[in-house]
Amino acid sequence: MSPANVFQRFGSFLFSKDFLKKRLLTIHLSGPVSNFGIPVAAVMDIKKDPTLISGPMTGSLIVYSLVFMKYSMSITPVNYLLFGCHLVNECAQLAQGFRYVNYWNFGGRERTMTAEGAAAGAAAAAK
């Protein structure tokens, strides 16, 4: 089979009505793809200041991702793309949750304030 024939068959399959209706335009692809905005945003927020993290929202997103990971494995056919989307979101939200708890409950806020005070004192002494 020549390479041109392979590309021609692949192109005709890719743009066929069967592929578009049964594969591309179903909820099993469009749902997880559009839902990937949540974990992308969570991963981008990992480096931001912990004062910006909402504890209740992070907790809600942790539970939401767990529920939809279970759902993605319970439906027929199993939706691995949805599972992967919520797995990434679960990991990112757990990281955000640990940052939130560390900052507000385990002394992270006090350490930050002490470090900022020491830096301000060093800057004043240098003048």
N, C-alpha and C. Protein backbone atom coordinates (compact mmCIF):
# COMPACT_ATOMS: atom_id res chain seq x y z
N MET A 1 0.85 -1.17 0.00
CA MET A 1 0.00 0.00 0.00
C MET A 1 0.90 1.24 0.00
N SER A 2 0.65 2.12 -0.93
CA SER A 2 1.48 3.32 -1.05
C SER A 2 1.09 4.35 0.02
N PRO A 3 2.03 5.22 0.37
CA PRO A 3 1.72 6.26 1.36
C PRO A 3 0.57 7.17 0.93
N ALA A 4 0.46 7.46 -0.35
CA ALA A 4 -0.63 8.31 -0.83
C ALA A 4 -1.98 7.63 -0.59
N ASN A 5 -2.02 6.31 -0.80
CA ASN A 5 -3.26 5.56 -0.58
C ASN A 5 -3.63 5.55 0.91
N VAL A 6 -2.64 5.42 1.78
CA VAL A 6 -2.89 5.43 3.21
C VAL A 6 -3.47 6.77 3.64
N PHE A 7 -2.87 7.87 3.18
CA PHE A 7 -3.36 9.19 3.54
C PHE A 7 -4.76 9.44 2.96
N GLN A 8 -5.00 8.93 1.78
CA GLN A 8 -6.32 9.11 1.16
C GLN A 8 -7.39 8.36 1.97
N ARG A 9 -7.09 7.14 2.38
CA ARG A 9 -8.05 6.36 3.19
C ARG A 9 -8.27 7.00 4.55
N PHE A 10 -7.19 7.48 5.15
CA PHE A 10 -7.32 8.14 6.45
C PHE A 10 -8.15 9.42 6.34
N GLY A 11 -7.91 10.20 5.29
CA GLY A 11 -8.67 11.43 5.07
C GLY A 11 -10.14 11.15 4.83
N SER A 12 -10.44 10.12 4.05
CA SER A 12 -11.85 9.81 3.79
C SER A 12 -12.53 9.30 5.07
N PHE A 13 -11.80 8.57 5.91
CA PHE A 13 -12.36 8.13 7.19
C PHE A 13 -12.57 9.30 8.12
N LEU A 14 -11.60 10.20 8.19
CA LEU A 14 -11.64 11.34 9.10
C LEU A 14 -12.81 12.27 8.80
N PHE A 15 -13.12 12.46 7.54
CA PHE A 15 -14.19 13.38 7.15
C PHE A 15 -15.49 12.66 6.78
N SER A 16 -15.60 11.39 7.13
CA SER A 16 -16.83 10.66 6.83
C SER A 16 -17.92 11.01 7.85
N LYS A 17 -19.16 10.84 7.46
CA LYS A 17 -20.27 11.13 8.35
C LYS A 17 -20.26 10.20 9.56
N ASP A 18 -19.83 8.96 9.35
CA ASP A 18 -19.77 8.00 10.44
C ASP A 18 -18.83 8.48 11.54
N PHE A 19 -17.64 8.94 11.16
CA PHE A 19 -16.68 9.42 12.14
C PHE A 19 -17.19 10.67 12.85
N LEU A 20 -17.75 11.59 12.10
CA LEU A 20 -18.23 12.84 12.70
C LEU A 20 -19.39 12.59 13.66
N LYS A 21 -20.34 11.75 13.28
CA LYS A 21 -21.51 11.52 14.12
C LYS A 21 -21.22 10.63 15.31
N LYS A 22 -20.46 9.57 15.10
CA LYS A 22 -20.29 8.58 16.16
C LYS A 22 -19.06 8.82 17.03
N ARG A 23 -18.14 9.60 16.57
CA ARG A 23 -16.92 9.79 17.34
C ARG A 23 -16.71 11.24 17.77
N LEU A 24 -16.70 12.14 16.82
CA LEU A 24 -16.27 13.51 17.09
C LEU A 24 -17.35 14.36 17.74
N LEU A 25 -18.58 14.23 17.31
CA LEU A 25 -19.64 15.12 17.78
C LEU A 25 -20.46 14.50 18.91
N THR A 26 -19.91 13.56 19.63
CA THR A 26 -20.64 12.97 20.74
C THR A 26 -20.23 13.63 22.04
N ILE A 27 -21.00 13.40 23.06
CA ILE A 27 -20.72 13.96 24.38
C ILE A 27 -19.47 13.31 24.98
N HIS A 28 -19.09 12.13 24.48
CA HIS A 28 -17.92 11.44 25.02
C HIS A 28 -16.62 12.13 24.65
N LEU A 29 -16.65 13.02 23.68
CA LEU A 29 -15.45 13.80 23.33
C LEU A 29 -15.63 15.26 23.69
N SER A 30 -16.75 15.85 23.30
CA SER A 30 -16.91 17.28 23.49
C SER A 30 -17.04 17.65 24.96
N GLY A 31 -17.63 16.80 25.80
CA GLY A 31 -17.76 17.09 27.22
C GLY A 31 -16.41 17.21 27.92
N PRO A 32 -15.57 16.19 27.85
CA PRO A 32 -14.27 16.29 28.51
C PRO A 32 -13.36 17.36 27.93
N VAL A 33 -13.42 17.56 26.62
CA VAL A 33 -12.56 18.57 26.02
C VAL A 33 -12.93 19.96 26.52
N SER A 34 -14.23 20.25 26.58
CA SER A 34 -14.64 21.56 27.09
C SER A 34 -14.44 21.65 28.59
N ASN A 35 -14.46 20.53 29.28
CA ASN A 35 -14.30 20.50 30.73
C ASN A 35 -12.84 20.65 31.15
N PHE A 36 -11.91 20.49 30.23
CA PHE A 36 -10.49 20.58 30.58
C PHE A 36 -10.07 21.99 31.00
N GLY A 37 -10.94 22.98 30.83
CA GLY A 37 -10.63 24.33 31.29
C GLY A 37 -10.46 24.40 32.80
N ILE A 38 -11.21 23.58 33.54
CA ILE A 38 -11.13 23.60 35.00
C ILE A 38 -9.75 23.12 35.48
N PRO A 39 -9.26 21.94 35.06
CA PRO A 39 -7.93 21.55 35.55
C PRO A 39 -6.80 22.42 35.01
N VAL A 40 -6.95 22.95 33.81
CA VAL A 40 -5.91 23.85 33.30
C VAL A 40 -5.83 25.09 34.18
N ALA A 41 -6.97 25.65 34.55
CA ALA A 41 -6.98 26.82 35.44
C ALA A 41 -6.40 26.47 36.81
N ALA A 42 -6.73 25.29 37.33
CA ALA A 42 -6.21 24.89 38.63
C ALA A 42 -4.70 24.70 38.60
N VAL A 43 -4.19 24.12 37.55
CA VAL A 43 -2.74 23.93 37.43
C VAL A 43 -2.03 25.29 37.29
N MET A 44 -2.64 26.21 36.56
CA MET A 44 -2.05 27.55 36.41
C MET A 44 -2.07 28.32 37.73
N ASP A 45 -3.02 28.03 38.61
CA ASP A 45 -3.14 28.74 39.88
C ASP A 45 -2.23 28.20 40.97
N ILE A 46 -1.54 27.11 40.73
CA ILE A 46 -0.72 26.50 41.79
C ILE A 46 0.40 27.43 42.25
N LYS A 47 0.89 28.29 41.41
CA LYS A 47 1.99 29.19 41.79
C LYS A 47 1.50 30.53 42.35
N LYS A 48 0.19 30.75 42.36
CA LYS A 48 -0.32 32.03 42.85
C LYS A 48 -0.31 32.08 44.38
N ASP A 49 -0.53 33.27 44.89
CA ASP A 49 -0.54 33.52 46.33
C ASP A 49 -1.63 32.68 47.01
N PRO A 50 -1.30 32.00 48.13
CA PRO A 50 -2.30 31.16 48.79
C PRO A 50 -3.47 31.94 49.39
N THR A 51 -3.35 33.24 49.55
CA THR A 51 -4.48 34.02 50.07
C THR A 51 -5.62 34.07 49.06
N LEU A 52 -5.34 33.79 47.80
CA LEU A 52 -6.38 33.82 46.76
C LEU A 52 -7.19 32.53 46.67
N ILE A 53 -6.76 31.49 47.38
CA ILE A 53 -7.44 30.19 47.30
C ILE A 53 -8.71 30.22 48.13
N SER A 54 -9.80 29.77 47.55
CA SER A 54 -11.07 29.65 48.27
C SER A 54 -11.18 28.22 48.80
N GLY A 55 -11.17 28.08 50.10
CA GLY A 55 -11.27 26.75 50.72
C GLY A 55 -12.55 26.02 50.37
N PRO A 56 -13.73 26.67 50.52
CA PRO A 56 -14.97 25.96 50.18
C PRO A 56 -15.05 25.56 48.70
N MET A 57 -14.58 26.42 47.82
CA MET A 57 -14.63 26.09 46.38
C MET A 57 -13.67 24.95 46.06
N THR A 58 -12.49 24.96 46.67
CA THR A 58 -11.53 23.88 46.45
C THR A 58 -12.10 22.55 46.94
N GLY A 59 -12.73 22.57 48.11
CA GLY A 59 -13.35 21.36 48.63
C GLY A 59 -14.45 20.85 47.72
N SER A 60 -15.25 21.77 47.20
CA SER A 60 -16.32 21.39 46.27
C SER A 60 -15.77 20.77 45.00
N LEU A 61 -14.69 21.34 44.47
CA LEU A 61 -14.10 20.81 43.25
C LEU A 61 -13.44 19.46 43.47
N ILE A 62 -12.92 19.22 44.67
CA ILE A 62 -12.35 17.91 44.99
C ILE A 62 -13.45 16.85 44.95
N VAL A 63 -14.58 17.14 45.60
CA VAL A 63 -15.70 16.19 45.61
C VAL A 63 -16.27 16.02 44.20
N TYR A 64 -16.41 17.13 43.47
CA TYR A 64 -16.93 17.10 42.09
C TYR A 64 -16.08 16.19 41.21
N SER A 65 -14.77 16.33 41.31
CA SER A 65 -13.89 15.50 40.47
C SER A 65 -13.97 14.03 40.85
N LEU A 66 -14.06 13.74 42.15
CA LEU A 66 -14.20 12.35 42.57
C LEU A 66 -15.48 11.73 42.03
N VAL A 67 -16.58 12.48 42.10
CA VAL A 67 -17.86 11.97 41.61
C VAL A 67 -17.79 11.68 40.12
N PHE A 68 -17.22 12.61 39.35
CA PHE A 68 -17.18 12.42 37.91
C PHE A 68 -16.11 11.42 37.47
N MET A 69 -15.09 11.18 38.28
CA MET A 69 -14.17 10.08 37.97
C MET A 69 -14.92 8.75 38.09
N LYS A 70 -15.73 8.62 39.14
CA LYS A 70 -16.54 7.41 39.32
C LYS A 70 -17.55 7.29 38.18
N TYR A 71 -18.19 8.39 37.83
CA TYR A 71 -19.19 8.38 36.74
C TYR A 71 -18.55 7.96 35.42
N SER A 72 -17.37 8.48 35.13
CA SER A 72 -16.73 8.17 33.84
C SER A 72 -16.38 6.69 33.70
N MET A 73 -16.19 6.02 34.82
CA MET A 73 -15.90 4.59 34.77
C MET A 73 -17.18 3.74 34.84
N SER A 74 -18.30 4.35 35.23
CA SER A 74 -19.55 3.60 35.39
C SER A 74 -20.39 3.56 34.12
N ILE A 75 -20.21 4.53 33.24
CA ILE A 75 -21.04 4.60 32.04
C ILE A 75 -20.55 3.61 30.99
N THR A 76 -21.39 3.36 30.02
CA THR A 76 -21.02 2.49 28.90
C THR A 76 -21.12 3.29 27.62
N PRO A 77 -20.10 3.39 26.82
CA PRO A 77 -18.74 2.90 27.02
C PRO A 77 -17.99 3.75 28.04
N VAL A 78 -17.00 3.14 28.66
CA VAL A 78 -16.20 3.85 29.65
C VAL A 78 -15.51 5.03 28.97
N ASN A 79 -15.56 6.19 29.62
CA ASN A 79 -15.02 7.41 29.04
C ASN A 79 -13.69 7.74 29.71
N TYR A 80 -12.60 7.28 29.12
CA TYR A 80 -11.27 7.49 29.69
C TYR A 80 -10.82 8.94 29.58
N LEU A 81 -11.29 9.65 28.58
CA LEU A 81 -10.94 11.07 28.45
C LEU A 81 -11.53 11.88 29.60
N LEU A 82 -12.77 11.61 29.95
CA LEU A 82 -13.41 12.29 31.08
C LEU A 82 -12.71 11.91 32.38
N PHE A 83 -12.33 10.64 32.51
CA PHE A 83 -11.61 10.20 33.70
C PHE A 83 -10.27 10.93 33.83
N GLY A 84 -9.55 11.03 32.73
CA GLY A 84 -8.26 11.73 32.75
C GLY A 84 -8.41 13.21 33.10
N CYS A 85 -9.44 13.83 32.55
CA CYS A 85 -9.70 15.23 32.84
C CYS A 85 -9.91 15.43 34.34
N HIS A 86 -10.73 14.59 34.94
CA HIS A 86 -11.02 14.75 36.36
C HIS A 86 -9.89 14.25 37.25
N LEU A 87 -9.07 13.34 36.77
CA LEU A 87 -7.89 12.94 37.52
C LEU A 87 -6.91 14.10 37.63
N VAL A 88 -6.67 14.79 36.53
CA VAL A 88 -5.80 15.97 36.55
C VAL A 88 -6.39 17.03 37.47
N ASN A 89 -7.70 17.24 37.37
CA ASN A 89 -8.35 18.23 38.22
C ASN A 89 -8.27 17.84 39.69
N GLU A 90 -8.45 16.56 39.99
CA GLU A 90 -8.38 16.09 41.37
C GLU A 90 -7.00 16.36 41.96
N CYS A 91 -5.96 16.04 41.22
CA CYS A 91 -4.59 16.27 41.70
C CYS A 91 -4.32 17.76 41.90
N ALA A 92 -4.74 18.58 40.96
CA ALA A 92 -4.51 20.02 41.08
C ALA A 92 -5.31 20.61 42.25
N GLN A 93 -6.53 20.16 42.43
CA GLN A 93 -7.34 20.69 43.54
C GLN A 93 -6.81 20.20 44.89
N LEU A 94 -6.31 18.98 44.95
CA LEU A 94 -5.69 18.51 46.19
C LEU A 94 -4.46 19.33 46.53
N ALA A 95 -3.66 19.67 45.53
CA ALA A 95 -2.50 20.53 45.76
C ALA A 95 -2.94 21.90 46.28
N GLN A 96 -3.99 22.46 45.67
CA GLN A 96 -4.52 23.74 46.13
C GLN A 96 -5.06 23.61 47.56
N GLY A 97 -5.74 22.52 47.85
CA GLY A 97 -6.27 22.31 49.20
C GLY A 97 -5.17 22.21 50.24
N PHE A 98 -4.08 21.52 49.92
CA PHE A 98 -2.95 21.43 50.84
C PHE A 98 -2.32 22.81 51.06
N ARG A 99 -2.21 23.58 50.00
CA ARG A 99 -1.67 24.93 50.13
C ARG A 99 -2.57 25.80 51.01
N TYR A 100 -3.87 25.69 50.82
CA TYR A 100 -4.83 26.47 51.62
C TYR A 100 -4.72 26.10 53.10
N VAL A 101 -4.75 24.80 53.40
CA VAL A 101 -4.68 24.35 54.80
C VAL A 101 -3.34 24.73 55.41
N ASN A 102 -2.26 24.58 54.67
CA ASN A 102 -0.94 24.94 55.18
C ASN A 102 -0.86 26.43 55.50
N TYR A 103 -1.42 27.26 54.64
CA TYR A 103 -1.33 28.72 54.84
C TYR A 103 -2.21 29.17 56.02
N TRP A 104 -3.44 28.70 56.07
CA TRP A 104 -4.37 29.21 57.07
C TRP A 104 -4.38 28.44 58.38
N ASN A 105 -3.95 27.17 58.40
CA ASN A 105 -4.07 26.36 59.62
C ASN A 105 -2.75 25.86 60.18
N PHE A 106 -1.73 25.75 59.39
CA PHE A 106 -0.48 25.16 59.88
C PHE A 106 0.70 26.12 59.88
N GLY A 107 0.46 27.40 60.05
CA GLY A 107 1.53 28.37 60.26
C GLY A 107 2.13 28.98 59.02
N GLY A 108 1.62 28.71 57.86
CA GLY A 108 2.18 29.31 56.65
C GLY A 108 2.01 30.82 56.62
N ARG A 109 0.89 31.29 57.12
CA ARG A 109 0.63 32.74 57.14
C ARG A 109 1.63 33.44 58.06
N GLU A 110 1.87 32.87 59.24
CA GLU A 110 2.80 33.47 60.19
C GLU A 110 4.22 33.48 59.64
N ARG A 111 4.62 32.40 58.99
CA ARG A 111 5.97 32.36 58.39
C ARG A 111 6.11 33.41 57.30
N THR A 112 5.08 33.60 56.51
CA THR A 112 5.13 34.61 55.45
C THR A 112 5.24 36.00 56.03
N MET A 113 4.45 36.28 57.07
CA MET A 113 4.50 37.59 57.70
C MET A 113 5.85 37.85 58.36
N THR A 114 6.43 36.83 58.99
CA THR A 114 7.75 36.97 59.61
C THR A 114 8.81 37.24 58.56
N ALA A 115 8.74 36.52 57.44
CA ALA A 115 9.72 36.71 56.36
C ALA A 115 9.58 38.09 55.75
N GLU A 116 8.36 38.57 55.58
CA GLU A 116 8.16 39.91 55.03
C GLU A 116 8.64 40.98 56.00
N GLY A 117 8.43 40.76 57.30
CA GLY A 117 8.90 41.71 58.30
C GLY A 117 10.42 41.76 58.36
N ALA A 118 11.06 40.60 58.25
CA ALA A 118 12.53 40.55 58.27
C ALA A 118 13.08 41.24 57.02
N ALA A 119 12.44 41.06 55.88
CA ALA A 119 12.91 41.70 54.65
C ALA A 119 12.73 43.22 54.75
N ALA A 120 11.63 43.66 55.34
CA ALA A 120 11.40 45.10 55.48
C ALA A 120 12.41 45.69 56.48
N GLY A 121 12.72 44.96 57.55
CA GLY A 121 13.70 45.42 58.52
C GLY A 121 15.10 45.51 57.92
N ALA A 122 15.46 44.54 57.09
CA ALA A 122 16.77 44.56 56.43
C ALA A 122 16.85 45.71 55.45
N ALA A 123 15.75 46.01 54.76
CA ALA A 123 15.75 47.12 53.82
C ALA A 123 15.86 48.46 54.57
N ALA A 124 15.22 48.56 55.71
CA ALA A 124 15.30 49.81 56.50
C ALA A 124 16.68 49.99 57.09
N ALA A 125 17.32 48.89 57.50
CA ALA A 125 18.67 48.97 58.07
C ALA A 125 19.70 49.32 56.99
N ALA A 126 19.45 48.96 55.76
CA ALA A 126 20.38 49.24 54.69
C ALA A 126 20.38 50.71 54.30
N LYS A 127 19.30 51.43 54.63
CA LYS A 127 19.22 52.86 54.29
C LYS A 127 20.04 53.62 55.24
